[in-house]
């Protein structure tokens, strides 16, 4: 079944949508907010992580990682999501961008003291080196990324 469907995250609301592969190129829309779904290169898109995959995806990654701590109901998180999609594409191969839904993954959120969202943590070689709290503009996120590259 999974080989016949793909999962596309809505860049507007963050909902994961299961799309049959034969319908991917027929302008799919989000089942929740009805926004058009962007079908692109998944290698250049943020990676969904969980409490279980955090250690291997972030701490075990050799290089810089930006972890977006978000929730689907969070308006500012929805504003930041398309910016992170752009940055993931623009900085592909230079920094890994991951997304942690704090509602579904309370252990990691608690471990790093996430009290408001969106919060972006920047790691380098498994160590946290920076923290960005709030929906900041793209140039601010980009300047923080550039300091660790």
N, C-alpha and C. Protein backbone atom coordinates (compact mmCIF):
# COMPACT_ATOMS: atom_id res chain seq x y z
N UNK A 1 0.82 -1.20 0.00
CA UNK A 1 0.00 0.00 0.00
C UNK A 1 0.86 1.26 0.00
N UNK A 2 1.93 1.29 0.80
CA UNK A 2 2.74 2.50 0.87
C UNK A 2 3.46 2.78 -0.44
N UNK A 3 3.70 1.76 -1.27
CA UNK A 3 4.36 2.00 -2.54
C UNK A 3 3.41 2.63 -3.56
N UNK A 4 2.11 2.59 -3.30
CA UNK A 4 1.13 3.16 -4.21
C UNK A 4 0.74 4.58 -3.81
N UNK A 5 1.10 5.00 -2.61
CA UNK A 5 0.75 6.33 -2.10
C UNK A 5 2.01 7.06 -1.66
N UNK A 6 1.94 8.38 -1.69
CA UNK A 6 3.00 9.18 -1.09
C UNK A 6 2.36 10.14 -0.09
N UNK A 7 3.16 10.60 0.85
CA UNK A 7 2.69 11.55 1.85
C UNK A 7 3.26 12.92 1.50
N UNK A 8 2.38 13.90 1.39
CA UNK A 8 2.80 15.27 1.11
C UNK A 8 2.29 16.15 2.23
N UNK A 9 3.20 16.90 2.85
CA UNK A 9 2.82 17.82 3.93
C UNK A 9 2.34 19.12 3.29
N UNK A 10 1.23 19.62 3.77
CA UNK A 10 0.71 20.90 3.31
C UNK A 10 1.58 22.01 3.89
N UNK A 11 2.11 22.87 3.04
CA UNK A 11 2.97 23.95 3.52
C UNK A 11 2.15 25.06 4.18
N UNK A 12 0.84 25.03 4.04
CA UNK A 12 -0.01 26.03 4.65
C UNK A 12 -0.41 25.66 6.08
N UNK A 13 -0.91 24.41 6.27
CA UNK A 13 -1.41 24.04 7.58
C UNK A 13 -0.61 22.92 8.25
N UNK A 14 0.30 22.29 7.52
CA UNK A 14 1.14 21.26 8.11
C UNK A 14 0.55 19.86 8.10
N UNK A 15 -0.68 19.72 7.61
CA UNK A 15 -1.34 18.41 7.58
C UNK A 15 -0.64 17.49 6.59
N UNK A 16 -0.49 16.22 6.99
CA UNK A 16 0.07 15.23 6.08
C UNK A 16 -1.08 14.66 5.25
N UNK A 17 -0.88 14.63 3.94
CA UNK A 17 -1.90 14.15 3.01
C UNK A 17 -1.37 12.92 2.28
N UNK A 18 -2.16 11.86 2.25
CA UNK A 18 -1.81 10.64 1.52
C UNK A 18 -2.39 10.77 0.11
N UNK A 19 -1.49 10.77 -0.89
CA UNK A 19 -1.90 10.97 -2.28
C UNK A 19 -1.50 9.74 -3.09
N UNK A 20 -2.42 9.16 -3.86
CA UNK A 20 -2.04 8.06 -4.75
C UNK A 20 -1.00 8.56 -5.76
N UNK A 21 0.02 7.74 -6.02
CA UNK A 21 1.09 8.16 -6.92
C UNK A 21 0.56 8.54 -8.30
N UNK A 22 -0.48 7.87 -8.77
CA UNK A 22 -1.00 8.20 -10.10
C UNK A 22 -1.77 9.52 -10.14
N UNK A 23 -1.97 10.17 -8.98
CA UNK A 23 -2.68 11.45 -8.93
C UNK A 23 -1.79 12.61 -8.47
N UNK A 24 -0.50 12.33 -8.27
CA UNK A 24 0.42 13.34 -7.76
C UNK A 24 0.52 14.55 -8.69
N UNK A 25 0.46 14.32 -9.99
CA UNK A 25 0.63 15.41 -10.95
C UNK A 25 -0.70 15.97 -11.45
N UNK A 26 -1.77 15.74 -10.70
CA UNK A 26 -3.08 16.28 -11.09
C UNK A 26 -3.55 17.34 -10.11
N UNK A 27 -2.65 18.21 -9.70
CA UNK A 27 -2.94 19.34 -8.82
C UNK A 27 -3.66 18.93 -7.54
N UNK A 28 -3.03 18.11 -6.68
CA UNK A 28 -3.70 17.70 -5.44
C UNK A 28 -3.85 18.89 -4.49
N UNK A 29 -4.89 18.81 -3.64
CA UNK A 29 -5.13 19.85 -2.64
C UNK A 29 -5.15 19.21 -1.25
N UNK A 30 -4.90 20.01 -0.25
CA UNK A 30 -4.90 19.54 1.13
C UNK A 30 -6.32 19.15 1.55
N UNK A 31 -6.44 18.01 2.19
CA UNK A 31 -7.74 17.55 2.65
C UNK A 31 -8.31 18.39 3.78
N UNK A 32 -7.46 19.11 4.49
CA UNK A 32 -7.93 19.91 5.62
C UNK A 32 -8.23 21.35 5.23
N UNK A 33 -7.23 22.05 4.65
CA UNK A 33 -7.41 23.48 4.38
C UNK A 33 -7.67 23.80 2.90
N UNK A 34 -7.61 22.78 2.05
CA UNK A 34 -7.89 22.90 0.61
C UNK A 34 -6.85 23.72 -0.16
N UNK A 35 -5.69 23.98 0.45
CA UNK A 35 -4.61 24.68 -0.26
C UNK A 35 -3.95 23.72 -1.25
N UNK A 36 -3.42 24.23 -2.36
CA UNK A 36 -2.72 23.37 -3.31
C UNK A 36 -1.49 22.75 -2.64
N UNK A 37 -1.26 21.47 -2.91
CA UNK A 37 -0.09 20.78 -2.37
C UNK A 37 1.06 20.89 -3.35
N UNK A 38 2.23 21.19 -2.81
CA UNK A 38 3.42 21.30 -3.64
C UNK A 38 4.10 19.95 -3.69
N UNK A 39 4.22 19.43 -4.90
CA UNK A 39 4.90 18.16 -5.09
C UNK A 39 6.29 18.50 -5.60
N UNK A 40 7.28 18.27 -4.76
CA UNK A 40 8.64 18.61 -5.15
C UNK A 40 9.60 17.52 -4.77
N UNK A 41 10.86 17.85 -4.82
CA UNK A 41 11.91 16.93 -4.47
C UNK A 41 11.93 16.76 -2.96
N UNK A 42 11.56 15.58 -2.48
CA UNK A 42 11.48 15.36 -1.04
C UNK A 42 12.85 15.40 -0.37
N UNK A 43 13.93 15.25 -1.14
CA UNK A 43 15.27 15.33 -0.58
C UNK A 43 15.59 16.76 -0.15
N UNK A 44 14.90 17.74 -0.72
CA UNK A 44 15.14 19.15 -0.39
C UNK A 44 14.05 19.71 0.51
N UNK A 45 13.28 18.86 1.14
CA UNK A 45 12.18 19.30 2.00
C UNK A 45 12.51 18.99 3.46
N UNK A 46 11.92 19.74 4.39
CA UNK A 46 12.12 19.41 5.80
C UNK A 46 11.68 17.97 6.09
N UNK A 47 12.37 17.34 7.04
CA UNK A 47 12.10 15.96 7.41
C UNK A 47 11.29 15.94 8.70
N UNK A 48 10.21 15.16 8.72
CA UNK A 48 9.44 14.99 9.95
C UNK A 48 10.20 14.06 10.88
N UNK A 49 10.34 14.48 12.13
CA UNK A 49 10.99 13.62 13.11
C UNK A 49 10.06 13.42 14.30
N UNK A 50 10.43 12.47 15.16
CA UNK A 50 9.64 12.16 16.35
C UNK A 50 10.59 11.98 17.52
N UNK A 51 10.02 11.75 18.70
CA UNK A 51 10.85 11.46 19.87
C UNK A 51 11.76 10.27 19.58
N UNK A 52 11.24 9.29 18.85
CA UNK A 52 11.98 8.07 18.57
C UNK A 52 13.11 8.30 17.55
N UNK A 53 12.92 9.19 16.60
CA UNK A 53 13.92 9.39 15.56
C UNK A 53 14.82 10.60 15.81
N UNK A 54 14.53 11.37 16.85
CA UNK A 54 15.30 12.58 17.13
C UNK A 54 16.80 12.31 17.26
N UNK A 55 17.14 11.32 18.04
CA UNK A 55 18.55 11.03 18.28
C UNK A 55 19.32 10.72 17.00
N UNK A 56 18.75 9.88 16.15
CA UNK A 56 19.45 9.53 14.91
C UNK A 56 19.41 10.64 13.88
N UNK A 57 18.28 11.34 13.77
CA UNK A 57 18.13 12.38 12.75
C UNK A 57 18.83 13.69 13.10
N UNK A 58 18.95 14.00 14.38
CA UNK A 58 19.52 15.29 14.80
C UNK A 58 20.87 15.10 15.51
N UNK A 59 20.86 14.39 16.62
CA UNK A 59 22.09 14.25 17.40
C UNK A 59 23.14 13.43 16.67
N UNK A 60 22.71 12.45 15.90
CA UNK A 60 23.65 11.60 15.18
C UNK A 60 24.07 12.12 13.82
N UNK A 61 23.51 13.26 13.41
CA UNK A 61 23.81 13.81 12.09
C UNK A 61 25.12 14.59 12.14
N UNK A 62 26.01 14.28 11.22
CA UNK A 62 27.30 14.99 11.15
C UNK A 62 27.13 16.23 10.29
N UNK A 63 26.90 17.34 10.92
CA UNK A 63 26.69 18.60 10.21
C UNK A 63 25.59 19.40 10.88
N UNK A 64 25.26 20.56 10.31
CA UNK A 64 24.25 21.43 10.91
C UNK A 64 22.82 20.96 10.66
N UNK A 65 21.99 21.14 11.69
CA UNK A 65 20.57 20.78 11.63
C UNK A 65 19.76 21.92 12.23
N UNK A 66 18.70 22.34 11.55
CA UNK A 66 17.75 23.29 12.12
C UNK A 66 16.49 22.49 12.44
N UNK A 67 16.10 22.47 13.71
CA UNK A 67 14.90 21.74 14.13
C UNK A 67 13.79 22.74 14.44
N UNK A 68 12.71 22.64 13.68
CA UNK A 68 11.54 23.50 13.89
C UNK A 68 10.58 22.79 14.83
N UNK A 69 10.33 23.37 15.99
CA UNK A 69 9.37 22.84 16.95
C UNK A 69 8.05 23.57 16.70
N UNK A 70 7.02 22.84 16.32
CA UNK A 70 5.78 23.44 15.85
C UNK A 70 4.58 22.59 16.28
N UNK A 71 3.38 23.09 15.99
CA UNK A 71 2.13 22.35 16.19
C UNK A 71 1.17 22.75 15.08
N UNK A 72 0.30 21.84 14.65
CA UNK A 72 -0.60 22.13 13.54
C UNK A 72 -1.60 23.26 13.81
N UNK A 73 -1.93 23.53 15.06
CA UNK A 73 -2.91 24.56 15.39
C UNK A 73 -2.28 25.95 15.53
N UNK A 74 -0.96 26.04 15.44
CA UNK A 74 -0.22 27.28 15.70
C UNK A 74 -0.15 28.16 14.46
N UNK A 75 -0.78 29.33 14.51
CA UNK A 75 -0.76 30.26 13.38
C UNK A 75 0.63 30.73 12.99
N UNK A 76 1.45 31.20 13.94
CA UNK A 76 2.80 31.60 13.58
C UNK A 76 3.63 30.45 12.99
N UNK A 77 3.38 29.23 13.44
CA UNK A 77 4.09 28.06 12.89
C UNK A 77 3.74 27.89 11.41
N UNK A 78 2.48 28.13 11.08
CA UNK A 78 2.03 28.03 9.69
C UNK A 78 2.69 29.10 8.82
N UNK A 79 2.97 30.26 9.42
CA UNK A 79 3.64 31.34 8.68
C UNK A 79 5.10 30.99 8.41
N UNK A 80 5.75 30.30 9.33
CA UNK A 80 7.16 29.96 9.21
C UNK A 80 7.37 28.76 8.27
N UNK A 81 6.39 27.87 8.17
CA UNK A 81 6.55 26.62 7.39
C UNK A 81 7.00 26.85 5.95
N UNK A 82 6.38 27.76 5.19
CA UNK A 82 6.84 27.96 3.81
C UNK A 82 8.26 28.52 3.74
N UNK A 83 8.65 29.32 4.73
CA UNK A 83 10.01 29.87 4.77
C UNK A 83 11.00 28.73 4.96
N UNK A 84 10.68 27.79 5.86
CA UNK A 84 11.57 26.66 6.09
C UNK A 84 11.64 25.75 4.87
N UNK A 85 10.53 25.61 4.15
CA UNK A 85 10.53 24.84 2.90
C UNK A 85 11.50 25.48 1.90
N UNK A 86 11.46 26.81 1.79
CA UNK A 86 12.36 27.52 0.89
C UNK A 86 13.82 27.34 1.32
N UNK A 87 14.08 27.50 2.61
CA UNK A 87 15.44 27.37 3.10
C UNK A 87 15.97 25.95 2.92
N UNK A 88 15.11 24.96 3.10
CA UNK A 88 15.53 23.57 2.90
C UNK A 88 15.96 23.35 1.46
N UNK A 89 15.26 23.98 0.53
CA UNK A 89 15.62 23.85 -0.88
C UNK A 89 16.87 24.65 -1.20
N UNK A 90 16.94 25.88 -0.71
CA UNK A 90 18.07 26.77 -1.01
C UNK A 90 19.38 26.29 -0.38
N UNK A 91 19.29 25.67 0.78
CA UNK A 91 20.49 25.22 1.49
C UNK A 91 20.64 23.70 1.49
N UNK A 92 20.03 23.04 0.52
CA UNK A 92 20.13 21.58 0.41
C UNK A 92 21.60 21.18 0.34
N UNK A 93 21.96 20.18 1.14
CA UNK A 93 23.34 19.72 1.16
C UNK A 93 24.22 20.49 2.12
N UNK A 94 23.72 21.62 2.64
CA UNK A 94 24.51 22.43 3.58
C UNK A 94 23.98 22.33 5.01
N UNK A 95 22.63 22.26 5.13
CA UNK A 95 22.00 22.13 6.44
C UNK A 95 20.76 21.25 6.28
N UNK A 96 20.53 20.44 7.29
CA UNK A 96 19.35 19.58 7.31
C UNK A 96 18.28 20.29 8.12
N UNK A 97 17.07 20.37 7.58
CA UNK A 97 15.97 21.00 8.30
C UNK A 97 14.96 19.92 8.66
N UNK A 98 14.61 19.86 9.94
CA UNK A 98 13.67 18.86 10.44
C UNK A 98 12.54 19.56 11.18
N UNK A 99 11.40 18.87 11.28
CA UNK A 99 10.23 19.42 11.94
C UNK A 99 9.78 18.45 13.03
N UNK A 100 9.58 18.99 14.24
CA UNK A 100 9.12 18.20 15.38
C UNK A 100 7.78 18.74 15.85
N UNK A 101 6.73 17.95 15.71
CA UNK A 101 5.40 18.33 16.20
C UNK A 101 5.43 18.15 17.72
N UNK A 102 5.39 19.26 18.46
CA UNK A 102 5.53 19.20 19.91
C UNK A 102 4.34 18.54 20.60
N UNK A 103 3.16 18.57 19.98
CA UNK A 103 1.99 17.90 20.55
C UNK A 103 2.17 16.39 20.56
N UNK A 104 2.77 15.87 19.51
CA UNK A 104 2.94 14.42 19.37
C UNK A 104 4.25 13.91 19.95
N UNK A 105 5.16 14.81 20.28
CA UNK A 105 6.50 14.42 20.73
C UNK A 105 6.92 15.23 21.96
N UNK A 106 6.24 15.04 23.09
CA UNK A 106 6.51 15.86 24.26
C UNK A 106 7.87 15.61 24.92
N UNK A 107 8.44 14.43 24.75
CA UNK A 107 9.71 14.13 25.43
C UNK A 107 10.84 15.04 24.92
N UNK A 108 10.99 15.14 23.61
CA UNK A 108 12.04 15.98 23.04
C UNK A 108 11.77 17.45 23.33
N UNK A 109 10.51 17.86 23.18
CA UNK A 109 10.16 19.26 23.45
C UNK A 109 10.48 19.62 24.91
N UNK A 110 10.17 18.73 25.82
CA UNK A 110 10.44 18.97 27.23
C UNK A 110 11.94 18.99 27.52
N UNK A 111 12.67 18.07 26.91
CA UNK A 111 14.12 17.98 27.13
C UNK A 111 14.82 19.28 26.76
N UNK A 112 14.33 19.97 25.71
CA UNK A 112 14.95 21.21 25.25
C UNK A 112 14.22 22.46 25.73
N UNK A 113 13.28 22.29 26.67
CA UNK A 113 12.62 23.44 27.30
C UNK A 113 11.79 24.28 26.35
N UNK A 114 11.12 23.62 25.41
CA UNK A 114 10.28 24.35 24.45
C UNK A 114 9.01 24.81 25.18
N UNK A 115 8.89 26.12 25.38
CA UNK A 115 7.74 26.66 26.09
C UNK A 115 6.82 27.47 25.19
N UNK A 116 7.33 27.90 24.05
CA UNK A 116 6.49 28.61 23.08
C UNK A 116 6.91 28.16 21.68
N UNK A 117 5.96 28.23 20.78
CA UNK A 117 6.23 27.82 19.40
C UNK A 117 5.80 28.92 18.46
N UNK A 118 6.43 29.03 17.32
CA UNK A 118 7.53 28.18 16.87
C UNK A 118 8.83 28.51 17.60
N UNK A 119 9.60 27.46 17.83
CA UNK A 119 10.97 27.59 18.33
C UNK A 119 11.83 26.77 17.40
N UNK A 120 12.93 27.35 16.95
CA UNK A 120 13.86 26.65 16.08
C UNK A 120 15.17 26.49 16.82
N UNK A 121 15.62 25.24 16.93
CA UNK A 121 16.90 24.95 17.55
C UNK A 121 17.89 24.61 16.45
N UNK A 122 19.09 25.13 16.57
CA UNK A 122 20.12 24.84 15.57
C UNK A 122 21.21 24.01 16.25
N UNK A 123 21.49 22.87 15.63
CA UNK A 123 22.50 21.94 16.13
C UNK A 123 23.65 21.87 15.14
N UNK A 124 24.83 21.62 15.67
CA UNK A 124 25.98 21.35 14.81
C UNK A 124 26.71 20.16 15.41
N UNK A 125 26.82 19.11 14.62
CA UNK A 125 27.46 17.87 15.07
C UNK A 125 26.89 17.37 16.39
N UNK A 126 25.57 17.43 16.52
CA UNK A 126 24.88 16.89 17.68
C UNK A 126 24.78 17.80 18.88
N UNK A 127 25.34 19.00 18.81
CA UNK A 127 25.30 19.94 19.93
C UNK A 127 24.44 21.15 19.57
N UNK A 128 23.56 21.56 20.48
CA UNK A 128 22.75 22.75 20.24
C UNK A 128 23.66 23.97 20.30
N UNK A 129 23.58 24.80 19.24
CA UNK A 129 24.43 25.99 19.18
C UNK A 129 23.63 27.30 19.10
N UNK A 130 22.33 27.21 18.83
CA UNK A 130 21.53 28.44 18.72
C UNK A 130 20.06 28.10 18.94
N UNK A 131 19.27 29.14 19.26
CA UNK A 131 17.83 28.98 19.49
C UNK A 131 17.13 30.23 18.98
N UNK A 132 16.10 30.04 18.18
CA UNK A 132 15.31 31.14 17.65
C UNK A 132 13.88 30.93 18.13
N UNK A 133 13.34 31.90 18.85
CA UNK A 133 11.97 31.78 19.36
C UNK A 133 11.07 32.76 18.63
N UNK A 134 9.95 32.26 18.14
CA UNK A 134 8.97 33.11 17.48
C UNK A 134 9.05 33.04 15.97
N UNK A 135 8.06 33.64 15.34
CA UNK A 135 7.98 33.68 13.88
C UNK A 135 8.82 34.86 13.39
N UNK A 136 10.08 34.59 13.17
CA UNK A 136 10.99 35.64 12.71
C UNK A 136 11.06 35.62 11.18
N UNK A 137 11.44 36.74 10.56
CA UNK A 137 11.50 36.79 9.10
C UNK A 137 12.63 35.91 8.54
N UNK A 138 12.48 35.55 7.28
CA UNK A 138 13.45 34.70 6.60
C UNK A 138 14.88 35.21 6.72
N UNK A 139 15.15 36.51 6.52
CA UNK A 139 16.54 36.97 6.63
C UNK A 139 17.17 36.69 8.00
N UNK A 140 16.38 36.75 9.06
CA UNK A 140 16.89 36.48 10.41
C UNK A 140 17.28 35.00 10.53
N UNK A 141 16.42 34.10 10.07
CA UNK A 141 16.72 32.67 10.13
C UNK A 141 17.95 32.37 9.28
N UNK A 142 17.97 32.97 8.09
CA UNK A 142 19.07 32.74 7.16
C UNK A 142 20.41 33.23 7.75
N UNK A 143 20.40 34.37 8.42
CA UNK A 143 21.66 34.87 8.99
C UNK A 143 22.15 33.95 10.10
N UNK A 144 21.24 33.37 10.88
CA UNK A 144 21.62 32.44 11.94
C UNK A 144 22.19 31.15 11.35
N UNK A 145 21.61 30.71 10.22
CA UNK A 145 22.12 29.52 9.54
C UNK A 145 23.53 29.78 9.03
N UNK A 146 23.73 30.94 8.44
CA UNK A 146 25.04 31.26 7.84
C UNK A 146 26.15 31.31 8.88
N UNK A 147 25.81 31.64 10.13
CA UNK A 147 26.85 31.71 11.16
C UNK A 147 27.44 30.35 11.50
N UNK A 148 26.72 29.27 11.21
CA UNK A 148 27.24 27.94 11.54
C UNK A 148 27.71 27.15 10.33
N UNK A 149 27.52 27.70 9.14
CA UNK A 149 27.96 26.97 7.95
C UNK A 149 29.45 27.12 7.72
